[in-house]
Amino acid sequence: MDRHSRWVQFLKVVLPLAAILLLSTVFLLSRSVDTNVSVPFSGQEIDERLTEQIITRPDYKGVTRKGEEIRVEARRASQGSADGSPTAAEVQGRFGLSSGGEITLESNTGMVRPDKGTATFAGNVVITTADGIQVTTDLLNTSLDEIRGDTPGQIDGTGPIGDFTAGRMTFGTEKKDGPVHILFTDGVKLIYEPQKAER
């Protein structure tokens, strides 16, 4: 038997033994796994989540045909009962305008319907624009396909020229690819404050 054959016979025995030795050390040196990890939800919360199909931290992101970013997120969302509508809690939205500005939205509750291309903000709705206008209302309906929204009820607002109220507010483009405008209608009242305008 030549030297090459002896080496082959030797390695046939040594290599499998080395492999077994390496595998055994992996199991011996591995840390023990704690199998008593507690679930962060109670049994009742798990039942609620299964029954109402609750989602934690839902996050919707989209882009309009003009390239404007739309994002709506919430603390939690629920499909609700069989005959109820899906709702979300602590809803926040952000509309990134093509001009570089943005409109941010916050509300207690809301509803996002990608199938219908709409998002609704309800309860203590706060609308803030990049140029310093802040509007509060009870209900705001917005689109998910373009930067557009309207409040069917009264709004209270504050801005660079003072405080104001109106029966209704809409925002969106007047022309197909034009800039976004905010329009206040139905009995607009403004308390003009020159000090704010000068700043």
C-alpha atoms as a PDB file:
ATOM      1  CA  MET A   1       0.000   0.000   0.000  1.00  0.00           C
ATOM      2  CA  ASP A   2       1.504   3.299  -1.082  1.00  0.00           C
ATOM      3  CA  ARG A   3       1.662   6.539   0.938  1.00  0.00           C
ATOM      4  CA  HIS A   4      -1.362   8.095  -0.836  1.00  0.00           C
ATOM      5  CA  SER A   5      -3.646   5.168   0.003  1.00  0.00           C
ATOM      6  CA  ARG A   6      -2.571   5.223   3.661  1.00  0.00           C
ATOM      7  CA  TRP A   7      -3.393   8.945   3.903  1.00  0.00           C
ATOM      8  CA  VAL A   8      -6.839   8.362   2.363  1.00  0.00           C
ATOM      9  CA  GLN A   9      -7.558   5.551   4.852  1.00  0.00           C
ATOM     10  CA  PHE A  10      -6.316   7.713   7.731  1.00  0.00           C
ATOM     11  CA  LEU A  11      -8.493  10.746   6.723  1.00  0.00           C
ATOM     12  CA  LYS A  12     -11.565   8.500   6.311  1.00  0.00           C
ATOM     13  CA  VAL A  13     -11.343   7.775  10.029  1.00  0.00           C
ATOM     14  CA  VAL A  14     -10.092  11.123  11.367  1.00  0.00           C
ATOM     15  CA  LEU A  15     -12.414  13.530   9.513  1.00  0.00           C
ATOM     16  CA  PRO A  16     -15.732  11.958  10.671  1.00  0.00           C
ATOM     17  CA  LEU A  17     -14.399  11.831  14.238  1.00  0.00           C
ATOM     18  CA  ALA A  18     -13.439  15.534  14.038  1.00  0.00           C
ATOM     19  CA  ALA A  19     -16.917  16.401  12.724  1.00  0.00           C
ATOM     20  CA  ILE A  20     -18.573  14.546  15.607  1.00  0.00           C
ATOM     21  CA  LEU A  21     -16.301  16.310  18.088  1.00  0.00           C
ATOM     22  CA  LEU A  22     -17.148  19.761  16.646  1.00  0.00           C
ATOM     23  CA  LEU A  23     -20.899  19.082  16.718  1.00  0.00           C
ATOM     24  CA  SER A  24     -20.783  17.865  20.302  1.00  0.00           C
ATOM     25  CA  THR A  25     -18.965  21.040  21.420  1.00  0.00           C
ATOM     26  CA  VAL A  26     -21.638  23.208  19.726  1.00  0.00           C
ATOM     27  CA  PHE A  27     -24.342  21.552  21.814  1.00  0.00           C
ATOM     28  CA  LEU A  28     -22.284  21.503  24.990  1.00  0.00           C
ATOM     29  CA  LEU A  29     -21.262  25.174  24.774  1.00  0.00           C
ATOM     30  CA  SER A  30     -24.617  26.566  23.596  1.00  0.00           C
ATOM     31  CA  ARG A  31     -26.481  28.653  26.131  1.00  0.00           C
ATOM     32  CA  SER A  32     -29.632  27.298  27.629  1.00  0.00           C
ATOM     33  CA  VAL A  33     -32.865  28.741  26.223  1.00  0.00           C
ATOM     34  CA  ASP A  34     -35.470  30.069  28.631  1.00  0.00           C
ATOM     35  CA  THR A  35     -38.707  28.320  27.675  1.00  0.00           C
ATOM     36  CA  ASN A  36     -40.759  30.247  30.254  1.00  0.00           C
ATOM     37  CA  VAL A  37     -40.998  33.504  28.245  1.00  0.00           C
ATOM     38  CA  SER A  38     -44.130  35.447  29.150  1.00  0.00           C
ATOM     39  CA  VAL A  39     -46.486  36.672  26.422  1.00  0.00           C
ATOM     40  CA  PRO A  40     -46.941  40.497  26.553  1.00  0.00           C
ATOM     41  CA  PHE A  41     -50.753  40.126  26.362  1.00  0.00           C
ATOM     42  CA  SER A  42     -53.266  38.739  28.826  1.00  0.00           C
ATOM     43  CA  GLY A  43     -55.648  35.991  27.792  1.00  0.00           C
ATOM     44  CA  GLN A  44     -58.490  38.507  27.549  1.00  0.00           C
ATOM     45  CA  GLU A  45     -56.424  40.796  25.276  1.00  0.00           C
ATOM     46  CA  ILE A  46     -55.549  37.871  23.020  1.00  0.00           C
ATOM     47  CA  ASP A  47     -59.236  36.936  22.765  1.00  0.00           C
ATOM     48  CA  GLU A  48     -60.108  40.573  21.922  1.00  0.00           C
ATOM     49  CA  ARG A  49     -57.419  40.738  19.254  1.00  0.00           C
ATOM     50  CA  LEU A  50     -58.641  37.514  17.663  1.00  0.00           C
ATOM     51  CA  THR A  51     -62.326  38.480  17.823  1.00  0.00           C
ATOM     52  CA  GLU A  52     -61.942  42.077  16.635  1.00  0.00           C
ATOM     53  CA  GLN A  53     -58.890  41.401  14.413  1.00  0.00           C
ATOM     54  CA  ILE A  54     -56.789  44.087  16.116  1.00  0.00           C
ATOM     55  CA  ILE A  55     -53.580  45.271  14.454  1.00  0.00           C
ATOM     56  CA  THR A  56     -50.881  47.090  16.436  1.00  0.00           C
ATOM     57  CA  ARG A  57     -49.127  50.081  14.809  1.00  0.00           C
ATOM     58  CA  PRO A  58     -50.669  49.875  11.311  1.00  0.00           C
ATOM     59  CA  ASP A  59     -48.825  52.063   8.804  1.00  0.00           C
ATOM     60  CA  TYR A  60     -50.141  53.018   5.342  1.00  0.00           C
ATOM     61  CA  LYS A  61     -47.757  54.591   2.818  1.00  0.00           C
ATOM     62  CA  GLY A  62     -48.551  55.720  -0.702  1.00  0.00           C
ATOM     63  CA  VAL A  63     -47.469  58.050  -3.484  1.00  0.00           C
ATOM     64  CA  THR A  64     -49.751  60.131  -5.687  1.00  0.00           C
ATOM     65  CA  ARG A  65     -49.326  60.265  -9.470  1.00  0.00           C
ATOM     66  CA  LYS A  66     -47.485  63.578  -8.939  1.00  0.00           C
ATOM     67  CA  GLY A  67     -44.976  61.858  -6.629  1.00  0.00           C
ATOM     68  CA  GLU A  68     -46.359  63.338  -3.400  1.00  0.00           C
ATOM     69  CA  GLU A  69     -45.993  61.127  -0.326  1.00  0.00           C
ATOM     70  CA  ILE A  70     -49.007  60.148   1.770  1.00  0.00           C
ATOM     71  CA  ARG A  71     -48.582  58.354   5.091  1.00  0.00           C
ATOM     72  CA  VAL A  72     -51.207  57.419   7.691  1.00  0.00           C
ATOM     73  CA  GLU A  73     -50.378  55.479  10.850  1.00  0.00           C
ATOM     74  CA  ALA A  74     -52.160  54.659  14.111  1.00  0.00           C
ATOM     75  CA  ARG A  75     -51.494  53.184  17.531  1.00  0.00           C
ATOM     76  CA  ARG A  76     -53.907  50.345  16.791  1.00  0.00           C
ATOM     77  CA  ALA A  77     -56.612  49.408  14.309  1.00  0.00           C
ATOM     78  CA  SER A  78     -59.561  47.066  14.596  1.00  0.00           C
ATOM     79  CA  GLN A  79     -61.813  45.415  12.043  1.00  0.00           C
ATOM     80  CA  GLY A  80     -64.614  45.714  14.604  1.00  0.00           C
ATOM     81  CA  SER A  81     -67.633  43.448  14.851  1.00  0.00           C
ATOM     82  CA  ALA A  82     -69.150  41.672  11.854  1.00  0.00           C
ATOM     83  CA  ASP A  83     -71.524  44.572  11.124  1.00  0.00           C
ATOM     84  CA  GLY A  84     -69.169  47.362  12.272  1.00  0.00           C
ATOM     85  CA  SER A  85     -66.696  49.478  10.308  1.00  0.00           C
ATOM     86  CA  PRO A  86     -62.913  49.198  10.737  1.00  0.00           C
ATOM     87  CA  THR A  87     -61.548  51.894  13.051  1.00  0.00           C
ATOM     88  CA  ALA A  88     -58.149  53.095  14.254  1.00  0.00           C
ATOM     89  CA  ALA A  89     -57.011  54.874  17.446  1.00  0.00           C
ATOM     90  CA  GLU A  90     -54.528  57.770  17.791  1.00  0.00           C
ATOM     91  CA  VAL A  91     -54.223  58.375  14.069  1.00  0.00           C
ATOM     92  CA  GLN A  92     -51.461  60.482  12.508  1.00  0.00           C
ATOM     93  CA  GLY A  93     -51.062  61.484   8.883  1.00  0.00           C
ATOM     94  CA  ARG A  94     -48.518  63.276   6.750  1.00  0.00           C
ATOM     95  CA  PHE A  95     -48.980  64.669   3.253  1.00  0.00           C
ATOM     96  CA  GLY A  96     -45.660  65.597   1.617  1.00  0.00           C
ATOM     97  CA  LEU A  97     -46.282  68.282  -1.003  1.00  0.00           C
ATOM     98  CA  SER A  98     -44.387  68.449  -4.306  1.00  0.00           C
ATOM     99  CA  SER A  99     -43.434  72.042  -3.386  1.00  0.00           C
ATOM    100  CA  GLY A 100     -41.435  70.721  -0.431  1.00  0.00           C
ATOM    101  CA  GLY A 101     -43.937  71.648   2.302  1.00  0.00           C
ATOM    102  CA  GLU A 102     -46.132  69.265   4.234  1.00  0.00           C
ATOM    103  CA  ILE A 103     -49.490  68.957   5.966  1.00  0.00           C
ATOM    104  CA  THR A 104     -49.600  66.908   9.180  1.00  0.00           C
ATOM    105  CA  LEU A 105     -52.788  65.472  10.685  1.00  0.00           C
ATOM    106  CA  GLU A 106     -53.637  64.081  14.121  1.00  0.00           C
ATOM    107  CA  SER A 107     -56.880  62.741  15.599  1.00  0.00           C
ATOM    108  CA  ASN A 108     -58.233  60.528  18.362  1.00  0.00           C
ATOM    109  CA  THR A 109     -59.773  58.000  15.980  1.00  0.00           C
ATOM    110  CA  GLY A 110     -60.049  57.411  12.269  1.00  0.00           C
ATOM    111  CA  MET A 111     -60.461  54.993   9.429  1.00  0.00           C
ATOM    112  CA  VAL A 112     -58.251  54.154   6.433  1.00  0.00           C
ATOM    113  CA  ARG A 113     -59.901  52.572   3.392  1.00  0.00           C
ATOM    114  CA  PRO A 114     -57.268  51.847   0.704  1.00  0.00           C
ATOM    115  CA  ASP A 115     -59.954  49.993  -1.278  1.00  0.00           C
ATOM    116  CA  LYS A 116     -61.909  53.261  -1.549  1.00  0.00           C
ATOM    117  CA  GLY A 117     -58.880  55.550  -1.613  1.00  0.00           C
ATOM    118  CA  THR A 118     -59.982  57.467   1.507  1.00  0.00           C
ATOM    119  CA  ALA A 119     -58.877  58.190   5.068  1.00  0.00           C
ATOM    120  CA  THR A 120     -61.074  59.741   7.765  1.00  0.00           C
ATOM    121  CA  PHE A 121     -59.788  61.550  10.856  1.00  0.00           C
ATOM    122  CA  ALA A 122     -62.270  62.052  13.719  1.00  0.00           C
ATOM    123  CA  GLY A 123     -62.262  63.507  17.235  1.00  0.00           C
ATOM    124  CA  ASN A 124     -59.976  66.445  18.114  1.00  0.00           C
ATOM    125  CA  VAL A 125     -58.544  66.636  14.604  1.00  0.00           C
ATOM    126  CA  VAL A 126     -55.467  68.907  14.359  1.00  0.00           C
ATOM    127  CA  ILE A 127     -54.276  69.976  10.900  1.00  0.00           C
ATOM    128  CA  THR A 128     -50.906  71.744  10.696  1.00  0.00           C
ATOM    129  CA  THR A 129     -49.226  73.202   7.618  1.00  0.00           C
ATOM    130  CA  ALA A 130     -45.547  73.994   7.083  1.00  0.00           C
ATOM    131  CA  ASP A 131     -46.302  77.735   6.755  1.00  0.00           C
ATOM    132  CA  GLY A 132     -47.680  78.036  10.291  1.00  0.00           C
ATOM    133  CA  ILE A 133     -51.447  77.440   9.971  1.00  0.00           C
ATOM    134  CA  GLN A 134     -53.031  75.166  12.576  1.00  0.00           C
ATOM    135  CA  VAL A 135     -56.682  74.125  12.301  1.00  0.00           C
ATOM    136  CA  THR A 136     -58.800  72.069  14.709  1.00  0.00           C
ATOM    137  CA  THR A 137     -62.095  70.379  13.862  1.00  0.00           C
ATOM    138  CA  ASP A 138     -64.184  67.302  14.672  1.00  0.00           C
ATOM    139  CA  LEU A 139     -64.029  65.483  11.330  1.00  0.00           C
ATOM    140  CA  LEU A 140     -61.754  65.496   8.276  1.00  0.00           C
ATOM    141  CA  ASN A 141     -62.176  63.406   5.136  1.00  0.00           C
ATOM    142  CA  THR A 142     -59.091  62.974   2.945  1.00  0.00           C
ATOM    143  CA  SER A 143     -58.077  61.180  -0.227  1.00  0.00           C
ATOM    144  CA  LEU A 144     -55.270  58.635  -0.475  1.00  0.00           C
ATOM    145  CA  ASP A 145     -54.906  59.106  -4.242  1.00  0.00           C
ATOM    146  CA  GLU A 146     -54.117  62.839  -4.189  1.00  0.00           C
ATOM    147  CA  ILE A 147     -53.551  65.676  -1.708  1.00  0.00           C
ATOM    148  CA  ARG A 148     -57.184  66.570  -1.017  1.00  0.00           C
ATOM    149  CA  GLY A 149     -59.435  66.872   2.032  1.00  0.00           C
ATOM    150  CA  ASP A 150     -62.484  68.578   3.481  1.00  0.00           C
ATOM    151  CA  THR A 151     -64.137  69.223   6.828  1.00  0.00           C
ATOM    152  CA  PRO A 152     -67.946  68.973   6.745  1.00  0.00           C
ATOM    153  CA  GLY A 153     -68.199  70.964   9.988  1.00  0.00           C
ATOM    154  CA  GLN A 154     -66.831  74.082  11.674  1.00  0.00           C
ATOM    155  CA  ILE A 155     -63.125  74.707  12.065  1.00  0.00           C
ATOM    156  CA  ASP A 156     -61.088  76.878  14.431  1.00  0.00           C
ATOM    157  CA  GLY A 157     -57.672  78.006  13.351  1.00  0.00           C
ATOM    158  CA  THR A 158     -54.669  80.160  13.975  1.00  0.00           C
ATOM    159  CA  GLY A 159     -52.036  81.402  11.581  1.00  0.00           C
ATOM    160  CA  PRO A 160     -49.473  84.083  10.796  1.00  0.00           C
ATOM    161  CA  ILE A 161     -52.140  86.819  10.528  1.00  0.00           C
ATOM    162  CA  GLY A 162     -54.342  85.881  13.488  1.00  0.00           C
ATOM    163  CA  ASP A 163     -57.090  83.568  14.733  1.00  0.00           C
ATOM    164  CA  PHE A 164     -60.069  82.556  12.591  1.00  0.00           C
ATOM    165  CA  THR A 165     -63.153  80.345  12.373  1.00  0.00           C
ATOM    166  CA  ALA A 166     -65.086  79.029   9.382  1.00  0.00           C
ATOM    167  CA  GLY A 167     -68.020  76.777   8.680  1.00  0.00           C
ATOM    168  CA  ARG A 168     -65.986  74.568   6.369  1.00  0.00           C
ATOM    169  CA  MET A 169     -62.476  74.004   5.061  1.00  0.00           C
ATOM    170  CA  THR A 170     -61.188  72.242   1.937  1.00  0.00           C
ATOM    171  CA  PHE A 171     -57.683  71.734   0.618  1.00  0.00           C
ATOM    172  CA  GLY A 172     -56.402  70.451  -2.699  1.00  0.00           C
ATOM    173  CA  THR A 173     -55.373  71.570  -6.169  1.00  0.00           C
ATOM    174  CA  GLU A 174     -57.569  73.860  -8.242  1.00  0.00           C
ATOM    175  CA  LYS A 175     -55.981  72.682 -11.498  1.00  0.00           C
ATOM    176  CA  LYS A 176     -54.823  69.182 -12.413  1.00  0.00           C
ATOM    177  CA  ASP A 177     -51.139  69.644 -11.580  1.00  0.00           C
ATOM    178  CA  GLY A 178     -51.368  72.964  -9.738  1.00  0.00           C
ATOM    179  CA  PRO A 179     -50.240  73.812  -6.189  1.00  0.00           C
ATOM    180  CA  VAL A 180     -52.267  72.825  -3.125  1.00  0.00           C
ATOM    181  CA  HIS A 181     -54.577  75.568  -1.794  1.00  0.00           C
ATOM    182  CA  ILE A 182     -56.534  75.754   1.475  1.00  0.00           C
ATOM    183  CA  LEU A 183     -59.990  77.309   1.171  1.00  0.00           C
ATOM    184  CA  PHE A 184     -62.143  78.474   4.115  1.00  0.00           C
ATOM    185  CA  THR A 185     -65.882  79.022   3.447  1.00  0.00           C
ATOM    186  CA  ASP A 186     -69.308  79.323   5.102  1.00  0.00           C
ATOM    187  CA  GLY A 187     -68.937  82.366   7.335  1.00  0.00           C
ATOM    188  CA  VAL A 188     -65.237  83.029   7.793  1.00  0.00           C
ATOM    189  CA  LYS A 189     -64.359  85.226  10.804  1.00  0.00           C
ATOM    190  CA  LEU A 190     -60.802  86.500  11.288  1.00  0.00           C
ATOM    191  CA  ILE A 191     -59.308  88.306  14.260  1.00  0.00           C
ATOM    192  CA  TYR A 192     -56.435  90.100  12.561  1.00  0.00           C
ATOM    193  CA  GLU A 193     -53.301  90.425  14.676  1.00  0.00           C
ATOM    194  CA  PRO A 194     -50.708  92.720  13.042  1.00  0.00           C
ATOM    195  CA  GLN A 195     -48.046  91.610  15.542  1.00  0.00           C
ATOM    196  CA  LYS A 196     -48.256  88.047  14.191  1.00  0.00           C
ATOM    197  CA  ALA A 197     -48.118  89.216  10.603  1.00  0.00           C
ATOM    198  CA  GLU A 198     -44.969  91.285  11.246  1.00  0.00           C
ATOM    199  CA  ARG A 199     -42.996  88.410  12.776  1.00  0.00           C
END
